[in-house]
PDB file of N, CA and C in Angstrom:
ATOM      1  N   MET A   1     -22.214 -14.760 -14.985  1.00  0.00           N
ATOM      2  CA  MET A   1     -21.422 -13.787 -14.260  1.00  0.00           C
ATOM      3  C   MET A   1     -22.317 -13.129 -13.209  1.00  0.00           C
ATOM      4  N   SER A   2     -21.817 -13.001 -12.009  1.00  0.00           N
ATOM      5  CA  SER A   2     -22.614 -12.425 -10.928  1.00  0.00           C
ATOM      6  C   SER A   2     -22.748 -10.915 -11.110  1.00  0.00           C
ATOM      7  N   ASP A   3     -23.722 -10.322 -10.428  1.00  0.00           N
ATOM      8  CA  ASP A   3     -23.926  -8.877 -10.499  1.00  0.00           C
ATOM      9  C   ASP A   3     -22.699  -8.122 -10.007  1.00  0.00           C
ATOM     10  N   THR A   4     -22.072  -8.618  -8.953  1.00  0.00           N
ATOM     11  CA  THR A   4     -20.878  -7.967  -8.403  1.00  0.00           C
ATOM     12  C   THR A   4     -19.739  -7.999  -9.406  1.00  0.00           C
ATOM     13  N   ALA A   5     -19.512  -9.135 -10.035  1.00  0.00           N
ATOM     14  CA  ALA A   5     -18.450  -9.259 -11.032  1.00  0.00           C
ATOM     15  C   ALA A   5     -18.721  -8.345 -12.215  1.00  0.00           C
ATOM     16  N   ARG A   6     -19.987  -8.255 -12.638  1.00  0.00           N
ATOM     17  CA  ARG A   6     -20.356  -7.376 -13.743  1.00  0.00           C
ATOM     18  C   ARG A   6     -20.094  -5.919 -13.383  1.00  0.00           C
ATOM     19  N   MET A   7     -20.437  -5.512 -12.142  1.00  0.00           N
ATOM     20  CA  MET A   7     -20.192  -4.138 -11.699  1.00  0.00           C
ATOM     21  C   MET A   7     -18.705  -3.840 -11.659  1.00  0.00           C
ATOM     22  N   ASP A   8     -17.907  -4.779 -11.122  1.00  0.00           N
ATOM     23  CA  ASP A   8     -16.462  -4.584 -11.067  1.00  0.00           C
ATOM     24  C   ASP A   8     -15.879  -4.473 -12.464  1.00  0.00           C
ATOM     25  N   SER A   9     -16.359  -5.289 -13.375  1.00  0.00           N
ATOM     26  CA  SER A   9     -15.881  -5.264 -14.753  1.00  0.00           C
ATOM     27  C   SER A   9     -16.191  -3.917 -15.400  1.00  0.00           C
ATOM     28  N   ARG A  10     -17.416  -3.427 -15.200  1.00  0.00           N
ATOM     29  CA  ARG A  10     -17.788  -2.115 -15.747  1.00  0.00           C
ATOM     30  C   ARG A  10     -16.979  -1.007 -15.109  1.00  0.00           C
ATOM     31  N   ARG A  11     -16.759  -1.104 -13.800  1.00  0.00           N
ATOM     32  CA  ARG A  11     -16.003  -0.074 -13.085  1.00  0.00           C
ATOM     33  C   ARG A  11     -14.578   0.005 -13.633  1.00  0.00           C
ATOM     34  N   LEU A  12     -13.933  -1.138 -13.815  1.00  0.00           N
ATOM     35  CA  LEU A  12     -12.572  -1.153 -14.337  1.00  0.00           C
ATOM     36  C   LEU A  12     -12.536  -0.667 -15.774  1.00  0.00           C
ATOM     37  N   GLY A  13     -13.532  -1.008 -16.569  1.00  0.00           N
ATOM     38  CA  GLY A  13     -13.604  -0.505 -17.942  1.00  0.00           C
ATOM     39  C   GLY A  13     -13.760   0.992 -17.969  1.00  0.00           C
ATOM     40  N   THR A  14     -14.565   1.530 -17.072  1.00  0.00           N
ATOM     41  CA  THR A  14     -14.771   2.966 -16.978  1.00  0.00           C
ATOM     42  C   THR A  14     -13.486   3.669 -16.561  1.00  0.00           C
ATOM     43  N   VAL A  15     -12.777   3.116 -15.599  1.00  0.00           N
ATOM     44  CA  VAL A  15     -11.514   3.704 -15.148  1.00  0.00           C
ATOM     45  C   VAL A  15     -10.521   3.734 -16.294  1.00  0.00           C
ATOM     46  N   GLY A  16     -10.419   2.632 -17.029  1.00  0.00           N
ATOM     47  CA  GLY A  16      -9.498   2.582 -18.158  1.00  0.00           C
ATOM     48  C   GLY A  16      -9.835   3.616 -19.208  1.00  0.00           C
ATOM     49  N   LEU A  17     -11.114   3.767 -19.509  1.00  0.00           N
ATOM     50  CA  LEU A  17     -11.551   4.752 -20.490  1.00  0.00           C
ATOM     51  C   LEU A  17     -11.249   6.165 -20.012  1.00  0.00           C
ATOM     52  N   LEU A  18     -11.559   6.463 -18.749  1.00  0.00           N
ATOM     53  CA  LEU A  18     -11.279   7.794 -18.214  1.00  0.00           C
ATOM     54  C   LEU A  18      -9.793   8.109 -18.251  1.00  0.00           C
ATOM     55  N   CYS A  19      -8.973   7.142 -17.882  1.00  0.00           N
ATOM     56  CA  CYS A  19      -7.523   7.346 -17.906  1.00  0.00           C
ATOM     57  C   CYS A  19      -7.034   7.598 -19.320  1.00  0.00           C
ATOM     58  N   ALA A  20      -7.546   6.827 -20.279  1.00  0.00           N
ATOM     59  CA  ALA A  20      -7.135   7.000 -21.677  1.00  0.00           C
ATOM     60  C   ALA A  20      -7.520   8.384 -22.181  1.00  0.00           C
ATOM     61  N   LEU A  21      -8.727   8.828 -21.852  1.00  0.00           N
ATOM     62  CA  LEU A  21      -9.156  10.158 -22.277  1.00  0.00           C
ATOM     63  C   LEU A  21      -8.316  11.258 -21.648  1.00  0.00           C
ATOM     64  N   LEU A  22      -8.020  11.105 -20.368  1.00  0.00           N
ATOM     65  CA  LEU A  22      -7.220  12.118 -19.689  1.00  0.00           C
ATOM     66  C   LEU A  22      -5.782  12.140 -20.200  1.00  0.00           C
ATOM     67  N   MET A  23      -5.239  10.982 -20.487  1.00  0.00           N
ATOM     68  CA  MET A  23      -3.877  10.917 -21.006  1.00  0.00           C
ATOM     69  C   MET A  23      -3.805  11.505 -22.414  1.00  0.00           C
ATOM     70  N   ALA A  24      -4.863  11.323 -23.191  1.00  0.00           N
ATOM     71  CA  ALA A  24      -4.888  11.852 -24.555  1.00  0.00           C
ATOM     72  C   ALA A  24      -5.046  13.371 -24.572  1.00  0.00           C
ATOM     73  N   ALA A  25      -5.448  13.942 -23.456  1.00  0.00           N
ATOM     74  CA  ALA A  25      -5.657  15.388 -23.372  1.00  0.00           C
ATOM     75  C   ALA A  25      -4.341  16.124 -23.139  1.00  0.00           C
ATOM     76  N   GLY A  26      -3.262  15.590 -23.624  1.00  0.00           N
ATOM     77  CA  GLY A  26      -1.945  16.197 -23.430  1.00  0.00           C
ATOM     78  C   GLY A  26      -1.799  17.557 -24.093  1.00  0.00           C
ATOM     79  N   GLY A  27      -2.718  17.928 -24.954  1.00  0.00           N
ATOM     80  CA  GLY A  27      -2.635  19.208 -25.639  1.00  0.00           C
ATOM     81  C   GLY A  27      -3.245  20.358 -24.861  1.00  0.00           C
ATOM     82  N   LEU A  28      -3.352  20.223 -23.566  1.00  0.00           N
ATOM     83  CA  LEU A  28      -3.898  21.309 -22.749  1.00  0.00           C
ATOM     84  C   LEU A  28      -2.933  22.487 -22.718  1.00  0.00           C
ATOM     85  N   PRO A  29      -3.427  23.685 -22.432  1.00  0.00           N
ATOM     86  CA  PRO A  29      -2.552  24.845 -22.335  1.00  0.00           C
ATOM     87  C   PRO A  29      -1.450  24.637 -21.301  1.00  0.00           C
ATOM     88  N   ALA A  30      -0.354  25.339 -21.478  1.00  0.00           N
ATOM     89  CA  ALA A  30       0.812  25.187 -20.603  1.00  0.00           C
ATOM     90  C   ALA A  30       0.460  25.433 -19.143  1.00  0.00           C
ATOM     91  N   THR A  31      -0.423  26.386 -18.854  1.00  0.00           N
ATOM     92  CA  THR A  31      -0.759  26.673 -17.459  1.00  0.00           C
ATOM     93  C   THR A  31      -1.436  25.485 -16.790  1.00  0.00           C
ATOM     94  N   ALA A  32      -2.210  24.704 -17.559  1.00  0.00           N
ATOM     95  CA  ALA A  32      -2.864  23.529 -16.994  1.00  0.00           C
ATOM     96  C   ALA A  32      -1.838  22.438 -16.695  1.00  0.00           C
ATOM     97  N   GLN A  33      -0.757  22.407 -17.448  1.00  0.00           N
ATOM     98  CA  GLN A  33       0.260  21.391 -17.254  1.00  0.00           C
ATOM     99  C   GLN A  33       1.234  21.761 -16.127  1.00  0.00           C
ATOM    100  N   GLU A  34       1.343  23.031 -15.777  1.00  0.00           N
ATOM    101  CA  GLU A  34       2.343  23.476 -14.813  1.00  0.00           C
ATOM    102  C   GLU A  34       1.971  23.207 -13.354  1.00  0.00           C
ATOM    103  N   ALA A  35       0.708  23.071 -13.057  1.00  0.00           N
ATOM    104  CA  ALA A  35       0.276  22.850 -11.671  1.00  0.00           C
ATOM    105  C   ALA A  35       0.627  21.417 -11.280  1.00  0.00           C
ATOM    106  N   ARG A  36       1.779  21.239 -10.669  1.00  0.00           N
ATOM    107  CA  ARG A  36       2.273  19.898 -10.338  1.00  0.00           C
ATOM    108  C   ARG A  36       2.147  19.617  -8.855  1.00  0.00           C
ATOM    109  N   MET A  37       1.918  18.336  -8.553  1.00  0.00           N
ATOM    110  CA  MET A  37       1.894  17.868  -7.173  1.00  0.00           C
ATOM    111  C   MET A  37       2.796  16.643  -7.095  1.00  0.00           C
ATOM    112  N   SER A  38       3.391  16.437  -5.933  1.00  0.00           N
ATOM    113  CA  SER A  38       4.235  15.255  -5.728  1.00  0.00           C
ATOM    114  C   SER A  38       3.368  14.071  -5.325  1.00  0.00           C
ATOM    115  N   LEU A  39       3.968  12.893  -5.385  1.00  0.00           N
ATOM    116  CA  LEU A  39       3.268  11.675  -4.964  1.00  0.00           C
ATOM    117  C   LEU A  39       2.831  11.797  -3.506  1.00  0.00           C
ATOM    118  N   SER A  40       3.696  12.320  -2.641  1.00  0.00           N
ATOM    119  CA  SER A  40       3.345  12.432  -1.216  1.00  0.00           C
ATOM    120  C   SER A  40       2.185  13.409  -0.999  1.00  0.00           C
ATOM    121  N   GLN A  41       2.109  14.469  -1.811  1.00  0.00           N
ATOM    122  CA  GLN A  41       0.981  15.397  -1.695  1.00  0.00           C
ATOM    123  C   GLN A  41      -0.329  14.720  -2.092  1.00  0.00           C
ATOM    124  N   LEU A  42      -0.278  13.933  -3.154  1.00  0.00           N
ATOM    125  CA  LEU A  42      -1.484  13.219  -3.587  1.00  0.00           C
ATOM    126  C   LEU A  42      -1.886  12.152  -2.583  1.00  0.00           C
ATOM    127  N   GLU A  43      -0.908  11.501  -1.964  1.00  0.00           N
ATOM    128  CA  GLU A  43      -1.220  10.503  -0.936  1.00  0.00           C
ATOM    129  C   GLU A  43      -1.907  11.167   0.257  1.00  0.00           C
ATOM    130  N   ARG A  44      -1.512  12.397   0.589  1.00  0.00           N
ATOM    131  CA  ARG A  44      -2.189  13.120   1.678  1.00  0.00           C
ATOM    132  C   ARG A  44      -3.592  13.554   1.253  1.00  0.00           C
ATOM    133  N   GLN A  45      -3.751  13.926  -0.012  1.00  0.00           N
ATOM    134  CA  GLN A  45      -5.054  14.362  -0.503  1.00  0.00           C
ATOM    135  C   GLN A  45      -6.045  13.191  -0.587  1.00  0.00           C
ATOM    136  N   TYR A  46      -5.532  12.004  -0.920  1.00  0.00           N
ATOM    137  CA  TYR A  46      -6.359  10.802  -1.046  1.00  0.00           C
ATOM    138  C   TYR A  46      -5.802   9.723  -0.112  1.00  0.00           C
ATOM    139  N   PRO A  47      -6.007   9.862   1.201  1.00  0.00           N
ATOM    140  CA  PRO A  47      -5.340   8.991   2.173  1.00  0.00           C
ATOM    141  C   PRO A  47      -5.709   7.513   2.075  1.00  0.00           C
ATOM    142  N   ARG A  48      -6.887   7.184   1.608  1.00  0.00           N
ATOM    143  CA  ARG A  48      -7.289   5.771   1.514  1.00  0.00           C
ATOM    144  C   ARG A  48      -6.841   5.122   0.209  1.00  0.00           C
ATOM    145  N   MET A  49      -6.355   5.928  -0.722  1.00  0.00           N
ATOM    146  CA  MET A  49      -6.041   5.429  -2.057  1.00  0.00           C
ATOM    147  C   MET A  49      -4.687   4.733  -2.094  1.00  0.00           C
ATOM    148  N   SER A  50      -4.645   3.608  -2.757  1.00  0.00           N
ATOM    149  CA  SER A  50      -3.407   2.840  -2.896  1.00  0.00           C
ATOM    150  C   SER A  50      -2.410   3.614  -3.770  1.00  0.00           C
ATOM    151  N   PRO A  51      -1.142   3.695  -3.361  1.00  0.00           N
ATOM    152  CA  PRO A  51      -0.123   4.357  -4.195  1.00  0.00           C
ATOM    153  C   PRO A  51      -0.007   3.723  -5.583  1.00  0.00           C
ATOM    154  N   VAL A  52      -0.317   2.444  -5.694  1.00  0.00           N
ATOM    155  CA  VAL A  52      -0.279   1.780  -7.000  1.00  0.00           C
ATOM    156  C   VAL A  52      -1.283   2.434  -7.947  1.00  0.00           C
ATOM    157  N   HIS A  53      -2.468   2.742  -7.445  1.00  0.00           N
ATOM    158  CA  HIS A  53      -3.480   3.376  -8.283  1.00  0.00           C
ATOM    159  C   HIS A  53      -3.062   4.794  -8.649  1.00  0.00           C
ATOM    160  N   ILE A  54      -2.421   5.502  -7.737  1.00  0.00           N
ATOM    161  CA  ILE A  54      -1.952   6.860  -8.041  1.00  0.00           C
ATOM    162  C   ILE A  54      -0.882   6.802  -9.127  1.00  0.00           C
ATOM    163  N   ARG A  55       0.062   5.892  -8.978  1.00  0.00           N
ATOM    164  CA  ARG A  55       1.182   5.809  -9.930  1.00  0.00           C
ATOM    165  C   ARG A  55       0.743   5.413 -11.331  1.00  0.00           C
ATOM    166  N   LYS A  56      -0.408   4.770 -11.476  1.00  0.00           N
ATOM    167  CA  LYS A  56      -0.905   4.413 -12.811  1.00  0.00           C
ATOM    168  C   LYS A  56      -1.128   5.656 -13.676  1.00  0.00           C
ATOM    169  N   CYS A  57      -1.324   6.793 -13.053  1.00  0.00           N
ATOM    170  CA  CYS A  57      -1.595   8.025 -13.792  1.00  0.00           C
ATOM    171  C   CYS A  57      -0.331   8.835 -14.102  1.00  0.00           C
ATOM    172  N   ASP A  58       0.801   8.431 -13.583  1.00  0.00           N
ATOM    173  CA  ASP A  58       2.056   9.162 -13.789  1.00  0.00           C
ATOM    174  C   ASP A  58       2.658   8.738 -15.127  1.00  0.00           C
ATOM    175  N   ARG A  59       2.344   9.481 -16.177  1.00  0.00           N
ATOM    176  CA  ARG A  59       2.735   9.095 -17.538  1.00  0.00           C
ATOM    177  C   ARG A  59       4.236   8.944 -17.723  1.00  0.00           C
ATOM    178  N   ASN A  60       5.024   9.844 -17.154  1.00  0.00           N
ATOM    179  CA  ASN A  60       6.465   9.799 -17.386  1.00  0.00           C
ATOM    180  C   ASN A  60       7.259   9.226 -16.210  1.00  0.00           C
ATOM    181  N   GLY A  61       6.578   8.811 -15.151  1.00  0.00           N
ATOM    182  CA  GLY A  61       7.236   8.143 -14.034  1.00  0.00           C
ATOM    183  C   GLY A  61       8.116   9.025 -13.174  1.00  0.00           C
ATOM    184  N   ASP A  62       7.867  10.333 -13.175  1.00  0.00           N
ATOM    185  CA  ASP A  62       8.729  11.248 -12.402  1.00  0.00           C
ATOM    186  C   ASP A  62       8.201  11.551 -11.002  1.00  0.00           C
ATOM    187  N   ASP A  63       7.090  10.950 -10.601  1.00  0.00           N
ATOM    188  CA  ASP A  63       6.445  11.210  -9.305  1.00  0.00           C
ATOM    189  C   ASP A  63       6.054  12.674  -9.114  1.00  0.00           C
ATOM    190  N   GLN A  64       5.964  13.411 -10.214  1.00  0.00           N
ATOM    191  CA  GLN A  64       5.427  14.764 -10.217  1.00  0.00           C
ATOM    192  C   GLN A  64       4.199  14.737 -11.125  1.00  0.00           C
ATOM    193  N   TYR A  65       3.057  15.115 -10.593  1.00  0.00           N
ATOM    194  CA  TYR A  65       1.796  14.936 -11.289  1.00  0.00           C
ATOM    195  C   TYR A  65       1.287  16.260 -11.838  1.00  0.00           C
ATOM    196  N   THR A  66       1.173  16.318 -13.172  1.00  0.00           N
ATOM    197  CA  THR A  66       0.610  17.489 -13.837  1.00  0.00           C
ATOM    198  C   THR A  66      -0.885  17.535 -13.549  1.00  0.00           C
ATOM    199  N   ARG A  67      -1.513  18.606 -13.950  1.00  0.00           N
ATOM    200  CA  ARG A  67      -2.958  18.746 -13.731  1.00  0.00           C
ATOM    201  C   ARG A  67      -3.721  17.610 -14.424  1.00  0.00           C
ATOM    202  N   THR A  68      -3.289  17.249 -15.619  1.00  0.00           N
ATOM    203  CA  THR A  68      -3.935  16.152 -16.342  1.00  0.00           C
ATOM    204  C   THR A  68      -3.797  14.844 -15.574  1.00  0.00           C
ATOM    205  N   GLU A  69      -2.614  14.587 -15.043  1.00  0.00           N
ATOM    206  CA  GLU A  69      -2.382  13.368 -14.270  1.00  0.00           C
ATOM    207  C   GLU A  69      -3.173  13.392 -12.957  1.00  0.00           C
ATOM    208  N   GLN A  70      -3.319  14.583 -12.372  1.00  0.00           N
ATOM    209  CA  GLN A  70      -4.113  14.717 -11.148  1.00  0.00           C
ATOM    210  C   GLN A  70      -5.588  14.408 -11.427  1.00  0.00           C
ATOM    211  N   LEU A  71      -6.076  14.808 -12.591  1.00  0.00           N
ATOM    212  CA  LEU A  71      -7.459  14.494 -12.963  1.00  0.00           C
ATOM    213  C   LEU A  71      -7.647  12.991 -13.133  1.00  0.00           C
ATOM    214  N   CYS A  72      -6.640  12.323 -13.657  1.00  0.00           N
ATOM    215  CA  CYS A  72      -6.683  10.866 -13.774  1.00  0.00           C
ATOM    216  C   CYS A  72      -6.784  10.232 -12.391  1.00  0.00           C
ATOM    217  N   VAL A  73      -5.962  10.699 -11.442  1.00  0.00           N
ATOM    218  CA  VAL A  73      -5.996  10.178 -10.064  1.00  0.00           C
ATOM    219  C   VAL A  73      -7.376  10.410  -9.459  1.00  0.00           C
ATOM    220  N   SER A  74      -7.896  11.605  -9.655  1.00  0.00           N
ATOM    221  CA  SER A  74      -9.209  11.939  -9.117  1.00  0.00           C
ATOM    222  C   SER A  74     -10.301  11.029  -9.696  1.00  0.00           C
ATOM    223  N   SER A  75     -10.214  10.738 -10.979  1.00  0.00           N
ATOM    224  CA  SER A  75     -11.204   9.859 -11.616  1.00  0.00           C
ATOM    225  C   SER A  75     -11.157   8.451 -11.039  1.00  0.00           C
ATOM    226  N   ILE A  76      -9.948   7.932 -10.851  1.00  0.00           N
ATOM    227  CA  ILE A  76      -9.813   6.602 -10.265  1.00  0.00           C
ATOM    228  C   ILE A  76     -10.365   6.603  -8.838  1.00  0.00           C
ATOM    229  N   TYR A  77     -10.054   7.655  -8.082  1.00  0.00           N
ATOM    230  CA  TYR A  77     -10.544   7.755  -6.706  1.00  0.00           C
ATOM    231  C   TYR A  77     -12.066   7.768  -6.675  1.00  0.00           C
ATOM    232  N   GLN A  78     -12.664   8.598  -7.532  1.00  0.00           N
ATOM    233  CA  GLN A  78     -14.125   8.695  -7.575  1.00  0.00           C
ATOM    234  C   GLN A  78     -14.756   7.353  -7.935  1.00  0.00           C
ATOM    235  N   THR A  79     -14.178   6.671  -8.910  1.00  0.00           N
ATOM    236  CA  THR A  79     -14.754   5.422  -9.403  1.00  0.00           C
ATOM    237  C   THR A  79     -14.538   4.254  -8.463  1.00  0.00           C
ATOM    238  N   MET A  80     -13.322   4.115  -7.953  1.00  0.00           N
ATOM    239  CA  MET A  80     -12.992   2.916  -7.191  1.00  0.00           C
ATOM    240  C   MET A  80     -13.142   3.057  -5.682  1.00  0.00           C
ATOM    241  N   TYR A  81     -13.106   4.285  -5.172  1.00  0.00           N
ATOM    242  CA  TYR A  81     -13.133   4.456  -3.729  1.00  0.00           C
ATOM    243  C   TYR A  81     -14.418   5.106  -3.205  1.00  0.00           C
ATOM    244  N   LEU A  82     -15.067   5.916  -4.029  1.00  0.00           N
ATOM    245  CA  LEU A  82     -16.278   6.596  -3.536  1.00  0.00           C
ATOM    246  C   LEU A  82     -17.572   5.969  -4.055  1.00  0.00           C
ATOM    247  N   ASN A  83     -17.565   5.447  -5.262  1.00  0.00           N
ATOM    248  CA  ASN A  83     -18.784   4.912  -5.864  1.00  0.00           C
ATOM    249  C   ASN A  83     -18.990   3.451  -5.519  1.00  0.00           C
ATOM    250  N   ARG A  84     -18.786   3.100  -4.272  1.00  0.00           N
ATOM    251  CA  ARG A  84     -18.992   1.711  -3.828  1.00  0.00           C
ATOM    252  C   ARG A  84     -20.447   1.537  -3.426  1.00  0.00           C
ATOM    253  N   ASN A  85     -21.157   0.710  -4.170  1.00  0.00           N
ATOM    254  CA  ASN A  85     -22.580   0.465  -3.861  1.00  0.00           C
ATOM    255  C   ASN A  85     -22.752  -0.893  -3.243  1.00  0.00           C
TER     256      ASN A  85
END
């Protein structure tokens, strides 16, 4: 396996783990869950990010992102879009 393939494999594994941890954190206080953003707001906040990657974090498919779901989007953005070596 090439170094690039190994890095991509680790990156995707890390994203999956981060998403699982963030999704499991559903027991956050109500105030943390109330701060919602729409899909279009997140697309403006992360203009280079694919909507497919954003939607992976929308647990209930309502296109309204709770704080927990926003953290998932942020983690994917950090891992897949900023940490390019």
